[in-house]
N, C-alpha and C. Protein backbone atom coordinates (compact mmCIF):
# COMPACT_ATOMS: atom_id res chain seq x y z
N MET A 1 -8.57 23.00 -25.52
CA MET A 1 -7.72 22.03 -25.42
C MET A 1 -7.45 21.38 -26.68
N LEU A 2 -6.23 20.99 -26.87
CA LEU A 2 -5.60 20.29 -27.93
C LEU A 2 -5.16 18.94 -27.64
N LEU A 3 -5.34 18.02 -28.38
CA LEU A 3 -4.83 16.69 -28.17
C LEU A 3 -3.41 16.52 -29.00
N ALA A 4 -2.30 16.19 -28.24
CA ALA A 4 -0.95 15.77 -28.82
C ALA A 4 -0.50 14.53 -28.26
N ASP A 5 -1.25 13.40 -28.90
CA ASP A 5 -1.06 12.25 -28.33
C ASP A 5 0.26 11.76 -28.09
N PRO A 6 0.55 11.26 -26.94
CA PRO A 6 -0.33 11.07 -25.64
C PRO A 6 -0.74 12.12 -24.75
N PHE A 7 -0.26 13.27 -25.13
CA PHE A 7 -0.19 14.58 -24.22
C PHE A 7 -1.68 15.26 -24.56
N ILE A 8 -1.89 16.24 -23.63
CA ILE A 8 -3.04 17.16 -23.66
C ILE A 8 -2.44 18.58 -23.60
N LEU A 9 -2.77 19.41 -24.46
CA LEU A 9 -2.48 20.67 -24.41
C LEU A 9 -3.56 21.69 -24.00
N ARG A 10 -3.40 22.38 -22.84
CA ARG A 10 -4.69 23.28 -22.58
C ARG A 10 -4.31 24.51 -22.11
N PRO A 11 -4.99 25.36 -22.00
CA PRO A 11 -4.68 26.83 -21.30
C PRO A 11 -4.39 26.61 -19.67
N TYR A 12 -3.50 27.50 -19.30
CA TYR A 12 -3.07 27.27 -17.70
C TYR A 12 -4.36 27.58 -16.90
N ARG A 13 -4.31 26.92 -15.65
CA ARG A 13 -5.51 27.23 -14.76
C ARG A 13 -4.59 27.76 -13.51
N GLN A 14 -5.12 28.43 -12.50
CA GLN A 14 -4.60 28.80 -11.43
C GLN A 14 -3.97 27.61 -10.58
N ALA A 15 -4.76 26.85 -10.66
CA ALA A 15 -4.33 25.50 -9.76
C ALA A 15 -3.10 24.62 -10.33
N ASP A 16 -2.66 24.89 -11.61
CA ASP A 16 -1.55 24.68 -12.10
C ASP A 16 -0.12 25.24 -11.54
N ALA A 17 -0.32 26.44 -10.88
CA ALA A 17 0.86 27.22 -10.41
C ALA A 17 1.89 26.42 -9.75
N ALA A 18 1.52 25.56 -8.79
CA ALA A 18 2.47 24.87 -7.95
C ALA A 18 3.26 23.93 -8.92
N ALA A 19 2.66 23.25 -9.77
CA ALA A 19 3.29 22.19 -10.67
C ALA A 19 4.14 22.87 -11.61
N MET A 20 3.68 24.02 -12.00
CA MET A 20 4.75 24.71 -13.13
C MET A 20 5.72 25.39 -12.34
N SER A 21 5.74 25.93 -11.33
CA SER A 21 6.81 26.45 -10.58
C SER A 21 7.78 25.43 -10.14
N ALA A 22 7.17 24.10 -9.70
CA ALA A 22 8.27 23.16 -9.49
C ALA A 22 8.80 22.57 -10.83
N GLY A 23 8.14 22.46 -11.82
CA GLY A 23 8.63 22.02 -12.98
C GLY A 23 9.94 23.00 -13.52
N VAL A 24 9.62 24.37 -13.41
CA VAL A 24 10.77 25.41 -13.97
C VAL A 24 11.93 25.16 -13.01
N ARG A 25 11.51 25.13 -11.67
CA ARG A 25 12.76 25.08 -10.74
C ARG A 25 13.65 23.99 -10.97
N GLU A 26 13.00 22.81 -11.08
CA GLU A 26 13.81 21.50 -11.41
C GLU A 26 14.61 21.48 -12.84
N SER A 27 14.14 22.44 -13.71
CA SER A 27 14.77 22.59 -14.97
C SER A 27 15.60 23.73 -15.22
N ALA A 28 16.00 24.42 -14.29
CA ALA A 28 16.82 25.71 -14.19
C ALA A 28 18.12 25.30 -14.93
N ALA A 29 18.71 24.21 -14.70
CA ALA A 29 20.06 24.01 -15.45
C ALA A 29 19.86 23.63 -16.79
N THR A 30 18.67 22.97 -17.33
CA THR A 30 18.63 22.63 -18.75
C THR A 30 17.74 23.79 -19.49
N VAL A 31 16.60 24.09 -19.06
CA VAL A 31 15.69 24.98 -19.80
C VAL A 31 16.31 26.37 -19.52
N GLY A 32 16.60 26.46 -18.16
CA GLY A 32 17.29 27.94 -17.77
C GLY A 32 18.54 28.21 -18.44
N ARG A 33 19.08 27.23 -19.08
CA ARG A 33 20.36 27.75 -19.86
C ARG A 33 20.10 28.52 -21.23
N TRP A 34 18.76 28.41 -21.64
CA TRP A 34 18.34 28.98 -22.88
C TRP A 34 17.42 30.17 -22.68
N MET A 35 16.65 29.79 -21.57
CA MET A 35 15.28 30.75 -21.29
C MET A 35 15.72 31.55 -19.85
N SER A 36 15.85 32.75 -20.04
CA SER A 36 16.26 33.44 -18.81
C SER A 36 15.03 33.47 -17.65
N TRP A 37 13.81 33.24 -18.00
CA TRP A 37 12.95 33.27 -17.07
C TRP A 37 12.73 31.98 -16.15
N ALA A 38 13.40 30.90 -16.71
CA ALA A 38 13.74 29.62 -16.18
C ALA A 38 14.77 29.67 -14.91
N LYS A 39 14.27 30.10 -13.93
CA LYS A 39 15.27 30.31 -12.93
C LYS A 39 14.97 29.61 -11.74
N PRO A 40 16.08 29.27 -10.71
CA PRO A 40 15.93 28.47 -9.57
C PRO A 40 14.98 28.73 -8.45
N ASP A 41 14.70 30.13 -8.57
CA ASP A 41 13.73 30.64 -7.54
C ASP A 41 12.33 31.04 -8.25
N PHE A 42 12.14 30.38 -9.37
CA PHE A 42 10.65 30.70 -10.04
C PHE A 42 9.59 30.27 -9.03
N SER A 43 8.65 31.28 -8.74
CA SER A 43 7.59 30.93 -7.59
C SER A 43 6.30 30.62 -8.28
N GLU A 44 5.51 30.13 -7.45
CA GLU A 44 4.04 30.05 -7.68
C GLU A 44 3.47 31.53 -8.16
N TYR A 45 3.85 32.76 -7.65
CA TYR A 45 3.57 33.93 -7.88
C TYR A 45 3.95 34.17 -9.34
N ASP A 46 5.12 33.75 -9.81
CA ASP A 46 5.88 34.00 -11.05
C ASP A 46 4.76 33.09 -11.95
N ALA A 47 4.42 32.19 -11.75
CA ALA A 47 3.43 31.29 -12.64
C ALA A 47 2.01 31.93 -12.85
N ALA A 48 1.49 32.22 -11.52
CA ALA A 48 0.24 33.01 -11.75
C ALA A 48 0.36 34.24 -12.54
N CYS A 49 1.30 35.03 -12.48
CA CYS A 49 1.75 36.09 -13.28
C CYS A 49 1.64 35.57 -14.84
N TRP A 50 2.32 34.74 -15.19
CA TRP A 50 2.37 34.21 -16.44
C TRP A 50 1.05 33.63 -16.99
N PHE A 51 0.33 32.95 -16.17
CA PHE A 51 -1.02 32.54 -16.38
C PHE A 51 -1.95 33.86 -16.82
N GLU A 52 -1.86 34.81 -16.05
CA GLU A 52 -2.80 35.99 -16.41
C GLU A 52 -2.26 36.69 -17.61
N HIS A 53 -1.04 36.68 -17.86
CA HIS A 53 -0.44 37.35 -19.22
C HIS A 53 -0.98 36.32 -20.23
N CYS A 54 -0.93 35.22 -20.22
CA CYS A 54 -1.52 34.18 -21.22
C CYS A 54 -3.05 34.33 -21.38
N ARG A 55 -3.91 34.48 -20.45
CA ARG A 55 -5.09 34.67 -20.45
C ARG A 55 -5.59 36.15 -21.11
N GLN A 56 -4.81 37.18 -20.96
CA GLN A 56 -4.78 38.48 -21.79
C GLN A 56 -4.48 38.37 -23.19
N ALA A 57 -3.58 37.64 -23.31
CA ALA A 57 -2.94 37.46 -24.69
C ALA A 57 -4.00 36.59 -25.64
N ARG A 58 -4.45 35.60 -25.20
CA ARG A 58 -5.43 34.79 -25.59
C ARG A 58 -6.67 35.69 -25.94
N ALA A 59 -7.18 36.35 -25.05
CA ALA A 59 -8.31 37.20 -25.34
C ALA A 59 -8.04 38.32 -26.50
N ALA A 60 -6.87 38.88 -26.47
CA ALA A 60 -6.40 39.88 -27.38
C ALA A 60 -6.11 39.25 -28.70
N GLY A 61 -5.93 37.98 -28.73
CA GLY A 61 -5.49 37.17 -30.07
C GLY A 61 -4.11 37.40 -30.28
N THR A 62 -3.12 37.72 -29.37
CA THR A 62 -1.73 37.96 -29.54
C THR A 62 -0.95 36.79 -29.35
N ALA A 63 -1.55 35.90 -28.63
CA ALA A 63 -0.78 34.53 -28.30
C ALA A 63 -1.77 33.37 -27.97
N HIS A 64 -1.28 32.13 -27.90
CA HIS A 64 -1.92 31.06 -27.69
C HIS A 64 -1.05 30.19 -27.00
N GLU A 65 -1.03 30.20 -25.81
CA GLU A 65 -0.07 29.61 -24.78
C GLU A 65 -0.69 28.41 -24.35
N PHE A 66 -0.04 27.28 -24.07
CA PHE A 66 -0.79 26.29 -23.45
C PHE A 66 0.34 25.35 -22.55
N GLY A 67 -0.26 24.75 -21.31
CA GLY A 67 0.62 23.77 -20.56
C GLY A 67 0.48 22.54 -21.46
N ILE A 68 1.60 21.83 -21.24
CA ILE A 68 1.81 20.44 -21.74
C ILE A 68 1.32 19.38 -20.46
N PHE A 69 0.38 18.49 -20.76
CA PHE A 69 0.11 17.62 -19.45
C PHE A 69 0.08 16.18 -20.04
N THR A 70 0.34 15.30 -19.13
CA THR A 70 -0.15 13.76 -19.31
C THR A 70 -1.68 13.83 -19.22
N ALA A 71 -1.97 12.39 -19.67
CA ALA A 71 -3.48 12.15 -19.76
C ALA A 71 -4.01 12.17 -18.15
N ASP A 72 -3.18 11.89 -17.23
CA ASP A 72 -3.69 11.87 -15.97
C ASP A 72 -3.49 13.30 -15.26
N GLY A 73 -3.17 14.31 -15.92
CA GLY A 73 -3.11 15.76 -15.47
C GLY A 73 -1.58 16.17 -15.13
N GLY A 74 -0.51 15.45 -15.11
CA GLY A 74 0.63 15.66 -14.65
C GLY A 74 1.15 16.80 -15.61
N PHE A 75 1.99 17.77 -15.10
CA PHE A 75 2.42 18.81 -15.85
C PHE A 75 3.85 18.47 -16.28
N VAL A 76 3.99 18.71 -17.67
CA VAL A 76 5.06 18.21 -18.47
C VAL A 76 5.84 19.43 -18.91
N GLY A 77 5.21 20.54 -19.28
CA GLY A 77 6.00 21.71 -19.74
C GLY A 77 4.82 22.66 -20.33
N GLY A 78 5.38 23.71 -21.31
CA GLY A 78 4.64 24.50 -21.86
C GLY A 78 5.04 24.76 -23.46
N CYS A 79 4.06 25.32 -24.16
CA CYS A 79 4.33 25.66 -25.60
C CYS A 79 3.22 26.67 -25.83
N GLY A 80 3.63 27.31 -27.18
CA GLY A 80 2.43 28.39 -27.62
C GLY A 80 2.85 28.77 -29.09
N LEU A 81 1.95 29.65 -29.35
CA LEU A 81 2.18 30.31 -30.68
C LEU A 81 2.05 31.79 -30.21
N ASN A 82 3.20 32.67 -30.64
CA ASN A 82 3.21 33.96 -30.14
C ASN A 82 3.90 34.81 -31.33
N GLN A 83 3.98 36.21 -31.03
CA GLN A 83 4.56 36.94 -32.00
C GLN A 83 3.99 36.98 -33.35
N PHE A 84 2.70 37.05 -33.34
CA PHE A 84 2.00 36.99 -34.55
C PHE A 84 2.22 38.20 -35.35
N SER A 85 2.22 38.06 -36.65
CA SER A 85 2.19 39.11 -37.78
C SER A 85 0.88 38.85 -38.63
N ALA A 86 -0.17 39.58 -38.33
CA ALA A 86 -1.29 39.48 -38.90
C ALA A 86 -1.20 39.83 -40.37
N LEU A 87 -0.41 40.85 -40.57
CA LEU A 87 -0.09 41.17 -42.13
C LEU A 87 0.61 40.16 -42.81
N ASN A 88 1.41 39.46 -42.42
CA ASN A 88 2.13 38.44 -42.98
C ASN A 88 1.78 37.01 -42.75
N LYS A 89 0.72 36.77 -42.01
CA LYS A 89 0.19 35.63 -41.58
C LYS A 89 1.23 34.45 -40.92
N LEU A 90 1.96 34.97 -40.06
CA LEU A 90 2.97 34.13 -39.40
C LEU A 90 3.03 34.34 -38.06
N CYS A 91 3.83 33.42 -37.32
CA CYS A 91 3.93 33.57 -35.86
C CYS A 91 5.09 32.68 -35.47
N ASN A 92 5.54 32.81 -34.27
CA ASN A 92 6.70 32.01 -33.65
C ASN A 92 5.88 30.85 -32.91
N LEU A 93 6.60 29.78 -32.63
CA LEU A 93 6.25 28.68 -32.04
C LEU A 93 7.25 28.27 -31.08
N GLY A 94 6.93 28.27 -29.80
CA GLY A 94 7.96 27.95 -28.74
C GLY A 94 7.46 26.73 -27.83
N TYR A 95 8.46 26.28 -27.05
CA TYR A 95 8.11 25.01 -26.44
C TYR A 95 9.40 24.82 -25.36
N TRP A 96 8.85 24.27 -24.23
CA TRP A 96 9.79 23.91 -23.08
C TRP A 96 9.34 22.63 -22.49
N VAL A 97 10.19 21.72 -21.94
CA VAL A 97 9.90 20.52 -21.14
C VAL A 97 10.59 20.48 -19.83
N ARG A 98 9.96 20.18 -18.96
CA ARG A 98 10.61 19.97 -17.59
C ARG A 98 11.59 18.91 -17.57
N GLN A 99 12.65 19.02 -16.86
CA GLN A 99 13.82 18.17 -17.07
C GLN A 99 13.54 16.68 -16.76
N SER A 100 12.51 16.29 -15.90
CA SER A 100 12.32 15.09 -15.52
C SER A 100 11.27 14.32 -16.51
N CYS A 101 10.84 15.01 -17.73
CA CYS A 101 10.00 14.56 -18.55
C CYS A 101 10.54 14.63 -20.05
N GLN A 102 11.88 15.23 -19.97
CA GLN A 102 12.54 15.29 -21.17
C GLN A 102 12.75 14.10 -21.93
N ARG A 103 12.97 13.90 -23.35
CA ARG A 103 13.22 12.81 -24.13
C ARG A 103 11.90 11.79 -24.21
N ALA A 104 10.72 12.28 -24.06
CA ALA A 104 9.61 11.47 -24.07
C ALA A 104 8.57 11.84 -24.96
N GLY A 105 9.01 12.63 -26.10
CA GLY A 105 8.14 13.00 -27.02
C GLY A 105 7.25 14.16 -26.76
N ALA A 106 7.14 14.71 -25.74
CA ALA A 106 6.08 15.80 -25.50
C ALA A 106 6.47 17.06 -26.31
N ALA A 107 7.68 17.52 -26.50
CA ALA A 107 7.83 18.70 -27.27
C ALA A 107 7.59 18.51 -28.85
N THR A 108 7.91 17.26 -29.32
CA THR A 108 7.36 17.10 -30.72
C THR A 108 5.97 17.03 -30.81
N ALA A 109 5.41 16.38 -29.84
CA ALA A 109 3.86 16.27 -30.03
C ALA A 109 3.22 17.56 -29.83
N ALA A 110 3.73 18.39 -29.03
CA ALA A 110 3.14 19.67 -28.89
C ALA A 110 3.30 20.56 -30.35
N VAL A 111 4.76 20.34 -30.79
CA VAL A 111 4.95 21.20 -32.11
C VAL A 111 3.78 20.86 -32.96
N LYS A 112 3.62 19.41 -33.26
CA LYS A 112 2.82 19.05 -34.28
C LYS A 112 1.29 19.44 -33.96
N ALA A 113 0.92 19.48 -32.75
CA ALA A 113 -0.48 20.06 -32.48
C ALA A 113 -0.58 21.67 -32.70
N LEU A 114 0.50 22.40 -32.39
CA LEU A 114 0.42 23.62 -32.67
C LEU A 114 0.40 24.14 -34.05
N ARG A 115 1.36 23.13 -34.94
CA ARG A 115 1.32 23.47 -36.32
C ARG A 115 -0.23 23.26 -36.80
N GLU A 116 -0.95 22.20 -36.41
CA GLU A 116 -2.28 22.22 -36.88
C GLU A 116 -3.14 23.18 -36.55
N LEU A 117 -3.12 23.75 -35.37
CA LEU A 117 -3.82 24.75 -34.84
C LEU A 117 -3.52 26.26 -35.82
N GLY A 118 -2.26 26.33 -35.96
CA GLY A 118 -1.70 27.43 -36.67
C GLY A 118 -2.25 27.46 -38.27
N PHE A 119 -2.16 26.50 -38.75
CA PHE A 119 -2.60 26.26 -40.18
C PHE A 119 -4.25 25.99 -40.40
N GLY A 120 -4.60 25.48 -39.38
CA GLY A 120 -6.19 25.25 -39.40
C GLY A 120 -7.02 26.51 -38.92
N PRO A 121 -7.57 26.57 -37.65
CA PRO A 121 -8.26 27.41 -37.26
C PRO A 121 -7.63 28.97 -37.23
N LEU A 122 -6.19 29.07 -37.15
CA LEU A 122 -5.80 30.47 -37.24
C LEU A 122 -5.46 31.13 -38.59
N GLY A 123 -5.46 30.06 -39.65
CA GLY A 123 -5.28 30.61 -40.91
C GLY A 123 -3.90 31.04 -41.25
N LEU A 124 -2.79 30.53 -40.52
CA LEU A 124 -1.66 31.12 -40.73
C LEU A 124 -0.85 30.69 -42.18
N ALA A 125 0.00 31.13 -42.55
CA ALA A 125 0.63 30.88 -43.93
C ALA A 125 2.19 30.39 -43.47
N ARG A 126 2.74 30.64 -42.28
CA ARG A 126 4.05 30.35 -41.93
C ARG A 126 4.29 30.39 -40.50
N ILE A 127 4.74 29.45 -39.89
CA ILE A 127 4.88 29.24 -38.47
C ILE A 127 6.62 28.96 -38.35
N GLU A 128 7.26 29.77 -37.51
CA GLU A 128 8.83 29.80 -37.35
C GLU A 128 9.11 29.22 -36.01
N ILE A 129 10.03 28.49 -35.81
CA ILE A 129 10.72 28.07 -34.56
C ILE A 129 12.02 28.50 -34.68
N VAL A 130 12.51 29.43 -33.66
CA VAL A 130 13.89 30.02 -33.62
C VAL A 130 14.63 29.47 -32.27
N VAL A 131 15.63 28.77 -32.61
CA VAL A 131 16.36 28.18 -31.46
C VAL A 131 17.91 28.86 -31.56
N ALA A 132 18.29 28.99 -30.11
CA ALA A 132 19.55 29.40 -29.95
C ALA A 132 20.49 28.59 -30.40
N GLU A 133 21.71 28.79 -31.07
CA GLU A 133 22.89 27.98 -31.40
C GLU A 133 23.34 27.22 -30.19
N GLY A 134 23.30 25.85 -30.29
CA GLY A 134 23.95 25.31 -29.42
C GLY A 134 23.00 24.73 -28.54
N ASN A 135 21.51 24.96 -28.61
CA ASN A 135 20.57 24.37 -27.96
C ASN A 135 20.20 22.95 -28.82
N VAL A 136 20.82 21.81 -28.55
CA VAL A 136 20.80 20.72 -29.32
C VAL A 136 19.52 20.01 -29.16
N ALA A 137 18.99 20.09 -28.06
CA ALA A 137 17.64 19.27 -27.72
C ALA A 137 16.65 19.99 -28.35
N SER A 138 16.53 21.38 -28.65
CA SER A 138 15.37 21.97 -29.23
C SER A 138 15.68 21.97 -30.76
N ILE A 139 16.84 22.02 -31.25
CA ILE A 139 17.12 21.76 -32.65
C ILE A 139 16.64 20.43 -33.04
N GLY A 140 16.67 19.27 -32.20
CA GLY A 140 16.40 18.06 -32.50
C GLY A 140 14.88 18.01 -32.54
N VAL A 141 14.33 18.56 -31.74
CA VAL A 141 12.82 18.65 -31.63
C VAL A 141 12.26 19.25 -32.97
N ALA A 142 12.77 20.47 -33.50
CA ALA A 142 12.19 20.96 -34.77
C ALA A 142 12.48 20.17 -35.83
N HIS A 143 13.68 19.42 -35.95
CA HIS A 143 13.94 18.38 -37.16
C HIS A 143 13.01 17.19 -36.98
N LYS A 144 12.77 16.82 -35.61
CA LYS A 144 11.97 15.55 -35.52
C LYS A 144 10.49 15.94 -35.98
N ALA A 145 10.08 17.16 -35.75
CA ALA A 145 8.67 17.59 -36.15
C ALA A 145 8.53 17.77 -37.28
N GLY A 146 9.49 17.80 -38.31
CA GLY A 146 9.47 18.08 -39.60
C GLY A 146 9.80 19.46 -40.21
N ALA A 147 10.02 20.35 -39.18
CA ALA A 147 10.24 21.65 -39.56
C ALA A 147 11.57 21.92 -40.55
N ALA A 148 11.42 22.84 -41.49
CA ALA A 148 12.52 22.90 -42.48
C ALA A 148 13.56 23.92 -41.96
N HIS A 149 14.93 23.62 -41.78
CA HIS A 149 15.99 24.67 -41.51
C HIS A 149 16.29 25.62 -42.57
N GLU A 150 16.20 26.89 -42.23
CA GLU A 150 16.41 27.93 -43.28
C GLU A 150 17.78 28.39 -42.86
N CYS A 151 18.24 28.68 -41.93
CA CYS A 151 19.45 29.49 -41.87
C CYS A 151 19.95 29.52 -40.37
N LEU A 152 21.09 30.03 -40.18
CA LEU A 152 21.84 30.37 -38.96
C LEU A 152 21.71 31.82 -39.05
N ALA A 153 21.01 32.58 -38.20
CA ALA A 153 20.60 34.20 -38.23
C ALA A 153 21.66 34.59 -37.18
N ARG A 154 22.59 35.57 -37.35
CA ARG A 154 23.28 36.30 -36.50
C ARG A 154 22.52 37.24 -35.63
N CYS A 155 23.17 37.02 -34.15
CA CYS A 155 22.36 37.96 -33.43
C CYS A 155 20.87 37.95 -33.30
N ARG A 156 20.43 36.80 -33.42
CA ARG A 156 18.92 36.82 -33.70
C ARG A 156 18.07 36.65 -32.38
N LEU A 157 18.60 36.08 -31.19
CA LEU A 157 17.92 36.23 -29.96
C LEU A 157 18.74 36.74 -28.83
N GLN A 158 18.21 37.09 -27.90
CA GLN A 158 18.73 37.54 -26.56
C GLN A 158 18.73 36.23 -25.51
N VAL A 159 19.76 35.89 -24.98
CA VAL A 159 19.70 34.83 -24.00
C VAL A 159 20.54 35.37 -22.91
N HIS A 160 19.92 35.51 -21.73
CA HIS A 160 20.52 35.91 -20.58
C HIS A 160 21.30 37.52 -20.91
N GLY A 161 20.62 38.28 -21.55
CA GLY A 161 21.07 39.71 -21.94
C GLY A 161 22.15 39.72 -22.97
N ARG A 162 22.45 38.58 -23.45
CA ARG A 162 23.44 38.59 -24.67
C ARG A 162 22.89 38.18 -26.02
N SER A 163 23.32 38.77 -27.13
CA SER A 163 22.93 38.50 -28.51
C SER A 163 23.50 37.27 -28.93
N VAL A 164 22.57 36.19 -29.23
CA VAL A 164 23.33 34.95 -29.87
C VAL A 164 22.91 34.76 -31.20
N SER A 165 23.39 33.94 -31.95
CA SER A 165 22.99 33.32 -33.25
C SER A 165 21.90 32.46 -32.91
N ALA A 166 20.97 32.16 -34.10
CA ALA A 166 19.77 31.20 -33.80
C ALA A 166 19.52 30.44 -35.16
N HIS A 167 19.15 29.29 -35.04
CA HIS A 167 18.71 28.64 -36.03
C HIS A 167 17.37 28.94 -36.36
N VAL A 168 16.82 29.22 -37.70
CA VAL A 168 15.46 29.55 -37.99
C VAL A 168 14.89 28.47 -38.61
N PHE A 169 13.89 27.75 -38.18
CA PHE A 169 13.02 26.60 -38.91
C PHE A 169 11.69 27.12 -39.07
N SER A 170 11.21 26.49 -40.18
CA SER A 170 9.78 26.84 -40.56
C SER A 170 8.99 25.79 -40.94
N PHE A 171 7.66 26.09 -40.76
CA PHE A 171 6.61 25.26 -41.33
C PHE A 171 5.97 26.21 -42.40
N THR A 172 5.52 25.75 -43.42
CA THR A 172 4.62 26.88 -44.26
C THR A 172 3.37 25.99 -44.86
N ARG A 173 2.50 26.69 -44.94
CA ARG A 173 1.11 26.16 -45.76
C ARG A 173 1.42 25.51 -46.88
N GLU A 174 2.34 26.09 -47.78
CA GLU A 174 2.50 25.66 -49.01
C GLU A 174 3.18 24.26 -49.00
N SER A 175 4.20 24.00 -48.13
CA SER A 175 4.91 22.90 -48.06
C SER A 175 4.31 21.68 -47.38
N GLY A 176 3.13 22.12 -46.95
CA GLY A 176 2.30 20.98 -46.10
C GLY A 176 3.05 20.42 -44.89
N ALA A 177 4.06 21.03 -44.55
CA ALA A 177 4.66 20.81 -43.14
C ALA A 177 5.17 22.07 -42.29
C-alpha cells in the first residue's frame, strides 16, 4: 500500500472487480478515447483477469499496478509502473481516473507516489510518462506532477489500432523530479 494523500494506492483485490468494472464502463467516453481496454462492456470478469495479470506481474517483478482508492475505500482509478528495463533502470508510469472522480487530484497524487516508489525501493534512474497527442487531461497531470516534457515522438503509441504521436515526459533521479 502507498499513501498518495488523500488517496490510497493498493494492489487490487478480487472484491474490487465490481467497482472497477463500473468505473471503467462509466469512463468509456473519456478514458476509452485513449485506452482501448476501457470499453462500455468492460465486465467483472475483465477486471478479475486484469487483477490476476497484475498479481503475476508483481510476483515476477515486471510491473507494480495499483488501484487508486479514497480513504473510505471508494474506487477512483488505476495506476502503475510497468515496461521495466532492468538494464537501463527505467520504466513507464501510467494512470487513469474514472470519469466521476476526474479533476480531484487523484492522478497527480498517484504519479507522485509512484515516482517515490520508483526512485526509492525500486532503485530506478528514469521514469517515463508517455501520453497520446491530444490527451489534454493526461498531459496536464504530467505537467502538474513535475515531469519534464522531452519531446513529441511520432508513431509512439497504438490507440485503437492506430499509430499516434505521443508526448514523452520523464522524471530522473539526477533531476530530483
